[in-house]
N, C-alpha and C. Protein backbone atom coordinates (compact mmCIF):
# COMPACT_ATOMS: atom_id res chain seq x y z
N UNK A 1 -36.54 -24.28 88.99
CA UNK A 1 -36.64 -23.54 89.95
C UNK A 1 -35.59 -24.94 90.78
N UNK A 2 -34.59 -24.42 91.96
CA UNK A 2 -34.01 -25.08 92.69
C UNK A 2 -34.58 -25.25 93.73
N UNK A 3 -34.62 -26.49 93.94
CA UNK A 3 -35.31 -27.39 95.28
C UNK A 3 -34.42 -28.13 96.37
N UNK A 4 -32.97 -27.43 96.61
CA UNK A 4 -32.51 -27.97 97.27
C UNK A 4 -32.71 -27.57 98.78
N UNK A 5 -32.54 -28.54 99.68
CA UNK A 5 -32.95 -27.44 101.15
C UNK A 5 -32.05 -27.55 101.87
N UNK A 6 -32.08 -26.83 102.59
CA UNK A 6 -30.94 -26.37 103.35
C UNK A 6 -31.35 -26.06 104.93
N UNK A 7 -31.51 -26.76 105.94
CA UNK A 7 -31.97 -26.63 107.38
C UNK A 7 -33.45 -26.39 107.17
N UNK A 8 -34.21 -27.04 106.02
CA UNK A 8 -35.79 -26.68 105.80
C UNK A 8 -36.20 -25.76 105.07
N UNK A 9 -35.15 -25.13 104.65
CA UNK A 9 -35.94 -23.84 103.84
C UNK A 9 -35.48 -24.14 102.35
N UNK A 10 -36.26 -23.61 101.41
CA UNK A 10 -35.92 -23.91 100.02
C UNK A 10 -34.89 -22.92 99.35
N UNK A 11 -34.20 -23.52 99.14
CA UNK A 11 -32.87 -22.49 98.65
C UNK A 11 -33.61 -21.77 97.46
N UNK A 12 -34.06 -22.12 96.49
CA UNK A 12 -34.62 -21.73 95.27
C UNK A 12 -35.55 -20.61 95.53
N UNK A 13 -36.14 -20.26 97.05
CA UNK A 13 -36.94 -19.37 97.01
C UNK A 13 -36.29 -18.21 97.93
N UNK A 14 -35.27 -18.65 98.31
CA UNK A 14 -34.29 -17.84 99.01
C UNK A 14 -33.70 -16.64 97.70
N UNK A 15 -33.19 -17.83 96.86
CA UNK A 15 -32.19 -17.16 96.08
C UNK A 15 -33.32 -16.27 94.75
N UNK A 16 -34.92 -16.84 94.58
CA UNK A 16 -35.70 -16.06 94.09
C UNK A 16 -35.83 -14.75 94.68
N UNK A 17 -36.24 -14.52 96.17
CA UNK A 17 -36.27 -13.29 96.89
C UNK A 17 -35.31 -12.46 96.85
N UNK A 18 -34.04 -13.27 97.02
CA UNK A 18 -33.11 -12.33 97.16
C UNK A 18 -32.75 -11.32 95.50
N UNK A 19 -32.89 -12.19 94.95
CA UNK A 19 -33.11 -11.38 93.55
C UNK A 19 -33.84 -10.27 93.25
N UNK A 20 -35.28 -10.79 93.69
CA UNK A 20 -36.19 -9.64 93.89
C UNK A 20 -35.97 -8.33 94.79
N UNK A 21 -35.22 -8.60 95.67
CA UNK A 21 -34.81 -7.46 96.66
C UNK A 21 -33.64 -6.72 96.05
N UNK A 22 -33.01 -7.12 95.09
CA UNK A 22 -31.59 -6.53 94.45
C UNK A 22 -32.24 -5.87 93.20
N UNK A 23 -33.26 -6.14 92.60
CA UNK A 23 -33.67 -5.78 91.50
C UNK A 23 -34.09 -4.10 91.30
N UNK A 24 -34.72 -3.50 92.28
CA UNK A 24 -34.93 -2.35 92.51
C UNK A 24 -33.56 -1.26 92.65
N UNK A 25 -32.77 -1.84 93.70
CA UNK A 25 -31.62 -1.02 93.85
C UNK A 25 -30.56 -1.26 92.65
N UNK A 26 -30.49 -2.19 92.17
CA UNK A 26 -29.65 -1.95 90.78
C UNK A 26 -29.94 -1.50 89.66
N UNK A 27 -31.28 -1.21 89.49
CA UNK A 27 -31.78 -0.40 88.44
C UNK A 27 -32.03 0.72 88.85
N UNK A 28 -32.11 1.17 90.30
CA UNK A 28 -31.70 2.49 90.41
C UNK A 28 -30.04 3.13 90.41
N UNK A 29 -29.40 2.29 90.97
CA UNK A 29 -27.78 2.64 90.63
C UNK A 29 -27.50 2.83 89.06
N UNK A 30 -28.10 1.63 88.52
CA UNK A 30 -27.78 1.96 86.63
C UNK A 30 -27.94 2.89 86.10
N UNK A 31 -29.24 3.03 86.39
CA UNK A 31 -29.97 4.42 85.58
C UNK A 31 -29.40 5.49 86.50
N UNK A 32 -29.08 5.56 87.83
CA UNK A 32 -28.24 6.46 88.67
C UNK A 32 -27.11 7.03 87.59
N UNK A 33 -26.58 5.99 87.42
CA UNK A 33 -25.19 6.12 86.55
C UNK A 33 -25.27 6.74 85.68
N UNK A 34 -26.14 6.21 84.83
CA UNK A 34 -25.86 6.70 83.28
C UNK A 34 -26.69 7.69 83.05
N UNK A 35 -27.60 8.38 83.82
CA UNK A 35 -28.42 9.74 84.18
C UNK A 35 -27.09 10.59 84.80
N UNK A 36 -26.45 10.33 85.81
CA UNK A 36 -25.36 11.17 86.22
C UNK A 36 -24.24 11.45 85.15
N UNK A 37 -23.87 10.69 84.20
CA UNK A 37 -22.94 10.87 83.53
C UNK A 37 -23.40 11.68 82.41
N UNK A 38 -24.51 10.95 81.57
CA UNK A 38 -24.86 11.67 80.48
C UNK A 38 -26.45 11.51 80.04
N UNK A 39 -27.04 12.49 80.79
CA UNK A 39 -28.55 12.53 80.60
C UNK A 39 -29.45 12.40 79.25
N UNK A 40 -30.27 11.19 79.47
CA UNK A 40 -30.87 11.27 77.68
C UNK A 40 -31.14 12.48 76.98
N UNK A 41 -31.18 12.77 75.89
CA UNK A 41 -31.81 13.66 75.34
C UNK A 41 -33.66 14.05 75.23
N UNK A 42 -33.56 15.13 75.61
CA UNK A 42 -35.03 15.70 76.22
C UNK A 42 -36.23 15.03 75.45
N UNK A 43 -37.24 14.10 75.69
CA UNK A 43 -38.13 13.69 75.40
C UNK A 43 -39.39 13.38 75.69
N UNK A 44 -40.68 12.51 75.54
CA UNK A 44 -41.76 12.49 76.20
C UNK A 44 -41.77 11.03 76.36
N UNK A 45 -40.85 9.81 76.24
CA UNK A 45 -41.19 8.92 76.55
C UNK A 45 -39.84 8.14 77.54
N UNK A 46 -38.71 8.50 77.96
CA UNK A 46 -38.01 7.97 78.73
C UNK A 46 -37.29 8.96 79.64
N UNK A 47 -36.93 8.67 80.67
CA UNK A 47 -36.25 9.72 81.57
C UNK A 47 -36.96 10.27 82.58
N UNK A 48 -36.43 11.10 83.41
CA UNK A 48 -37.23 11.89 84.40
C UNK A 48 -37.73 12.84 84.15
N UNK A 49 -39.06 12.81 84.15
CA UNK A 49 -40.53 13.58 83.25
C UNK A 49 -41.11 14.34 84.15
N UNK A 50 -40.97 15.27 84.60
CA UNK A 50 -41.67 16.32 85.33
C UNK A 50 -42.17 17.32 84.60
N UNK A 51 -43.14 18.44 85.03
CA UNK A 51 -43.21 19.70 84.34
C UNK A 51 -41.93 20.53 84.55
N UNK A 52 -41.18 20.34 85.66
CA UNK A 52 -40.28 21.41 85.82
C UNK A 52 -39.25 21.05 84.94
N UNK A 53 -39.15 19.51 85.19
CA UNK A 53 -37.80 18.96 84.53
C UNK A 53 -37.64 19.02 82.98
N UNK A 54 -38.92 19.04 82.49
CA UNK A 54 -39.13 19.57 81.15
C UNK A 54 -39.28 20.74 80.34
N UNK A 55 -39.19 21.74 81.07
CA UNK A 55 -38.94 23.14 80.67
C UNK A 55 -38.41 23.36 79.55
N UNK A 56 -36.68 23.11 79.70
CA UNK A 56 -35.72 23.30 78.80
C UNK A 56 -34.75 21.88 78.71
N UNK A 57 -33.57 21.98 77.87
CA UNK A 57 -32.74 21.01 77.77
C UNK A 57 -31.88 21.54 79.18
N UNK A 58 -31.59 22.64 79.85
CA UNK A 58 -30.84 22.95 81.12
C UNK A 58 -31.92 22.25 82.34
N UNK A 59 -32.85 22.56 82.17
CA UNK A 59 -33.62 22.06 83.25
C UNK A 59 -33.65 20.35 83.37
N UNK A 60 -33.62 19.96 82.41
CA UNK A 60 -33.84 18.43 81.82
C UNK A 60 -32.38 17.73 82.44
N UNK A 61 -31.34 18.48 82.04
CA UNK A 61 -29.79 17.92 82.33
C UNK A 61 -29.87 18.17 83.56
N UNK A 62 -30.06 19.00 84.12
CA UNK A 62 -29.70 19.25 85.69
C UNK A 62 -30.43 18.38 86.69
N UNK A 63 -31.66 18.09 85.95
CA UNK A 63 -32.43 17.11 86.60
C UNK A 63 -32.14 15.73 86.58
N UNK A 64 -31.59 15.29 85.66
CA UNK A 64 -31.00 13.85 85.72
C UNK A 64 -29.89 14.06 85.94
N UNK A 65 -29.26 14.94 86.24
CA UNK A 65 -27.57 14.74 86.95
C UNK A 65 -27.74 14.44 88.71
N UNK A 66 -29.01 15.46 88.60
CA UNK A 66 -29.06 15.37 90.44
C UNK A 66 -29.84 14.20 90.70
N UNK A 67 -30.99 13.79 89.80
CA UNK A 67 -31.73 12.81 90.51
C UNK A 67 -30.67 11.17 90.26
N UNK A 68 -29.79 11.29 89.19
CA UNK A 68 -28.91 10.16 89.11
C UNK A 68 -27.72 10.23 90.27
N UNK A 69 -27.39 11.04 90.70
CA UNK A 69 -26.70 10.91 91.87
C UNK A 69 -27.34 10.70 93.15
N UNK A 70 -28.67 11.02 93.47
CA UNK A 70 -29.41 10.40 94.19
C UNK A 70 -29.66 9.00 94.16
N UNK A 71 -30.05 8.34 92.87
CA UNK A 71 -30.28 6.95 92.67
C UNK A 71 -29.04 6.26 92.39
N UNK A 72 -27.67 6.69 92.23
CA UNK A 72 -26.87 5.81 92.47
C UNK A 72 -26.28 5.34 93.50
N UNK A 73 -26.46 6.53 94.35
CA UNK A 73 -25.95 6.61 95.99
C UNK A 73 -26.99 5.72 96.80
N UNK A 74 -28.49 6.10 96.71
CA UNK A 74 -29.51 4.86 97.31
C UNK A 74 -29.63 3.73 96.82
N UNK A 75 -29.37 3.67 95.53
CA UNK A 75 -29.24 2.00 94.97
C UNK A 75 -28.25 1.42 95.63
N UNK A 76 -26.99 1.71 95.82
CA UNK A 76 -26.00 1.13 96.52
C UNK A 76 -26.46 0.65 97.91
N UNK A 77 -26.91 1.91 98.42
CA UNK A 77 -26.93 1.66 100.28
C UNK A 77 -27.86 0.65 100.29
N UNK A 78 -29.54 0.62 99.02
CA UNK A 78 -30.31 -0.13 99.24
C UNK A 78 -29.88 -1.49 98.95
N UNK A 79 -29.30 -1.92 97.89
CA UNK A 79 -28.83 -2.98 97.93
C UNK A 79 -27.71 -3.83 98.75
N UNK A 80 -26.59 -2.95 99.50
CA UNK A 80 -26.19 -3.63 100.40
C UNK A 80 -26.81 -3.70 101.47
N UNK A 81 -28.11 -3.34 102.17
CA UNK A 81 -29.09 -3.60 102.84
C UNK A 81 -29.58 -4.54 102.90
N UNK A 82 -30.18 -4.97 101.66
CA UNK A 82 -31.03 -5.90 100.94
C UNK A 82 -30.17 -7.12 101.12
N UNK A 83 -29.12 -7.32 100.69
CA UNK A 83 -28.11 -8.37 100.66
C UNK A 83 -28.12 -8.57 102.15
N UNK A 84 -27.71 -7.68 102.82
CA UNK A 84 -27.11 -7.93 104.48
C UNK A 84 -28.36 -8.60 105.08
N UNK A 85 -29.92 -8.28 104.72
CA UNK A 85 -30.93 -8.49 105.55
C UNK A 85 -31.41 -10.12 104.94
N UNK A 86 -31.07 -9.98 103.67
CA UNK A 86 -31.45 -11.56 103.08
C UNK A 86 -30.43 -12.38 103.27
N UNK A 87 -29.17 -12.51 103.78
CA UNK A 87 -28.36 -13.15 104.12
C UNK A 87 -28.30 -13.44 105.67
N UNK A 88 -28.99 -12.57 106.68
CA UNK A 88 -29.49 -13.09 107.87
C UNK A 88 -30.60 -13.77 108.01
N UNK A 89 -31.57 -13.83 106.97
CA UNK A 89 -32.66 -14.68 106.87
C UNK A 89 -32.28 -16.12 106.18
N UNK A 90 -30.99 -15.99 105.54
CA UNK A 90 -30.68 -17.43 104.97
C UNK A 90 -31.26 -18.90 105.28
N UNK A 91 -30.91 -19.15 106.44
CA UNK A 91 -31.78 -20.43 106.76
C UNK A 91 -32.76 -20.43 107.46
N UNK A 92 -33.64 -19.46 107.35
CA UNK A 92 -34.81 -19.18 108.30
C UNK A 92 -36.10 -20.09 107.08
N UNK A 93 -37.25 -20.08 107.56
CA UNK A 93 -38.20 -20.72 107.17
C UNK A 93 -39.13 -20.02 105.79
N UNK A 94 -39.74 -20.38 105.10
CA UNK A 94 -39.94 -19.41 103.94
C UNK A 94 -41.26 -18.28 104.23
N UNK A 95 -41.86 -18.44 105.46
CA UNK A 95 -42.74 -17.11 105.78
C UNK A 95 -41.32 -16.08 106.00
N UNK A 96 -40.53 -16.34 106.98
CA UNK A 96 -39.97 -15.47 107.28
C UNK A 96 -38.92 -14.97 106.05
N UNK A 97 -38.59 -15.38 105.29
CA UNK A 97 -37.76 -14.99 104.19
C UNK A 97 -38.68 -14.30 103.03
N UNK A 98 -39.93 -14.69 102.92
CA UNK A 98 -40.85 -13.95 101.92
C UNK A 98 -41.14 -12.38 102.89
N UNK A 99 -41.10 -12.85 103.95
CA UNK A 99 -41.89 -11.41 104.87
C UNK A 99 -40.69 -10.54 104.87
N UNK A 100 -39.42 -11.04 104.91
CA UNK A 100 -38.52 -10.10 104.92
C UNK A 100 -37.88 -9.19 103.38
N UNK A 101 -38.29 -10.17 102.38
CA UNK A 101 -38.18 -9.74 101.04
C UNK A 101 -39.35 -8.99 100.48
N UNK A 102 -40.48 -9.00 101.08
CA UNK A 102 -41.27 -8.30 100.87
C UNK A 102 -41.27 -6.63 101.56
N UNK A 103 -40.70 -6.71 102.77
CA UNK A 103 -40.52 -5.71 103.39
C UNK A 103 -39.56 -4.51 103.23
N UNK A 104 -38.73 -5.54 102.66
CA UNK A 104 -37.19 -5.08 101.70
C UNK A 104 -37.80 -4.34 100.63
N UNK A 105 -38.63 -4.79 99.86
CA UNK A 105 -39.01 -4.15 98.36
C UNK A 105 -39.66 -2.93 98.75
N UNK A 106 -40.71 -2.58 99.63
CA UNK A 106 -41.47 -1.78 100.10
C UNK A 106 -40.56 -0.60 100.90
N UNK A 107 -39.89 -0.99 101.31
CA UNK A 107 -38.77 0.21 102.16
C UNK A 107 -37.95 0.49 101.08
N UNK A 108 -37.64 -0.32 99.79
CA UNK A 108 -36.53 0.56 99.14
C UNK A 108 -37.68 1.25 98.22
N UNK A 109 -38.64 1.37 98.25
CA UNK A 109 -39.67 2.28 97.45
C UNK A 109 -39.14 4.00 98.29
N UNK A 110 -39.33 3.86 99.65
CA UNK A 110 -39.05 5.31 100.22
C UNK A 110 -38.09 6.22 99.27
N UNK A 111 -36.72 5.62 99.12
CA UNK A 111 -35.53 6.53 98.68
C UNK A 111 -35.91 6.67 97.52
N UNK A 112 -36.57 5.88 96.66
CA UNK A 112 -37.14 5.94 95.06
C UNK A 112 -37.98 7.38 95.10
N UNK A 113 -39.18 7.44 96.07
CA UNK A 113 -39.98 8.47 95.80
C UNK A 113 -39.62 9.92 96.50
N UNK A 114 -38.63 9.55 97.59
CA UNK A 114 -38.06 10.88 98.24
C UNK A 114 -36.90 11.43 97.09
N UNK A 115 -36.63 10.61 96.06
CA UNK A 115 -35.79 11.36 95.52
C UNK A 115 -36.50 12.27 94.47
N UNK A 116 -37.60 11.90 94.24
CA UNK A 116 -38.63 12.96 93.23
C UNK A 116 -38.69 14.23 93.83
N UNK A 117 -39.21 13.92 95.42
CA UNK A 117 -39.42 15.56 95.94
C UNK A 117 -38.07 16.25 96.18
N UNK A 118 -36.69 15.23 96.57
CA UNK A 118 -35.76 16.52 96.42
C UNK A 118 -35.22 17.07 95.30
N UNK A 119 -35.53 16.11 93.95
CA UNK A 119 -35.12 16.81 92.67
C UNK A 119 -35.84 17.80 92.29
N UNK A 120 -37.18 17.73 92.85
CA UNK A 120 -38.22 18.76 92.17
C UNK A 120 -37.70 20.22 93.40
N UNK A 121 -37.65 19.71 94.40
CA UNK A 121 -36.83 21.04 95.38
C UNK A 121 -35.55 21.93 94.88
N UNK A 122 -35.04 20.76 94.32
CA UNK A 122 -33.60 21.07 93.89
C UNK A 122 -33.82 22.02 92.29
N UNK A 123 -34.71 21.62 91.50
CA UNK A 123 -35.16 22.42 90.58
C UNK A 123 -35.75 23.51 90.87
N UNK A 124 -36.33 23.60 91.83
CA UNK A 124 -37.35 24.76 92.23
C UNK A 124 -36.01 26.15 92.87
N UNK A 125 -35.51 25.43 93.64
CA UNK A 125 -34.29 26.48 94.15
C UNK A 125 -33.21 27.01 93.07
N UNK A 126 -33.10 25.99 92.09
CA UNK A 126 -32.07 26.26 90.98
C UNK A 126 -32.63 27.24 89.52
N UNK A 127 -34.08 26.87 89.52
CA UNK A 127 -34.49 27.63 88.33
C UNK A 127 -35.85 28.18 88.61
N UNK A 128 -36.40 29.46 87.49
CA UNK A 128 -37.39 29.99 87.98
C UNK A 128 -38.55 29.17 87.69
N UNK A 129 -39.78 29.66 86.98
CA UNK A 129 -41.02 28.91 87.18
C UNK A 129 -41.00 29.10 85.33
N UNK A 130 -40.12 29.60 84.77
CA UNK A 130 -40.05 29.34 83.46
C UNK A 130 -38.51 28.85 82.72
N UNK A 131 -38.18 28.13 83.93
CA UNK A 131 -36.99 27.29 83.35
C UNK A 131 -35.59 27.96 83.31
N UNK A 132 -35.69 29.35 83.87
CA UNK A 132 -34.49 30.21 83.53
C UNK A 132 -33.52 30.09 84.96
N UNK A 133 -32.28 29.96 85.02
CA UNK A 133 -31.57 29.73 86.36
C UNK A 133 -31.86 31.20 86.78
N UNK A 134 -31.84 30.73 88.53
CA UNK A 134 -31.75 31.80 89.26
C UNK A 134 -30.40 32.38 89.48
N UNK A 135 -30.50 33.52 89.13
CA UNK A 135 -28.80 33.99 89.56
C UNK A 135 -28.31 34.16 91.05
N UNK A 136 -27.37 33.78 91.43
CA UNK A 136 -27.06 34.43 92.51
C UNK A 136 -26.74 33.33 93.63
């Protein structure tokens, strides 16, 4: 670990916390980009798996493209916010850096979980309970 001190702050800890706050947004943006362009084949192991999304290939592809757009957007927004906040605490003490990083990581969970509710709502508006597209 890097142990150079800058203004009394362990830069190694700041770098570690910055990487940790970037992990979830980068994962969301990466999978969002992948899912939005080419959803994986329907399977029971990998992907956006809910009862509604797994009805058939049409619901599966729709759900992945929808959540993919959300994850790509929110991944980039939360990445920018995380890097901005971490830059603002660059010369602060370890407690402040740790607190900021922890708050950021938990705040990043909000759009992640909200995307599930939004995707399920979109699936419900687009498909009936049997997975057939609603006309109209």
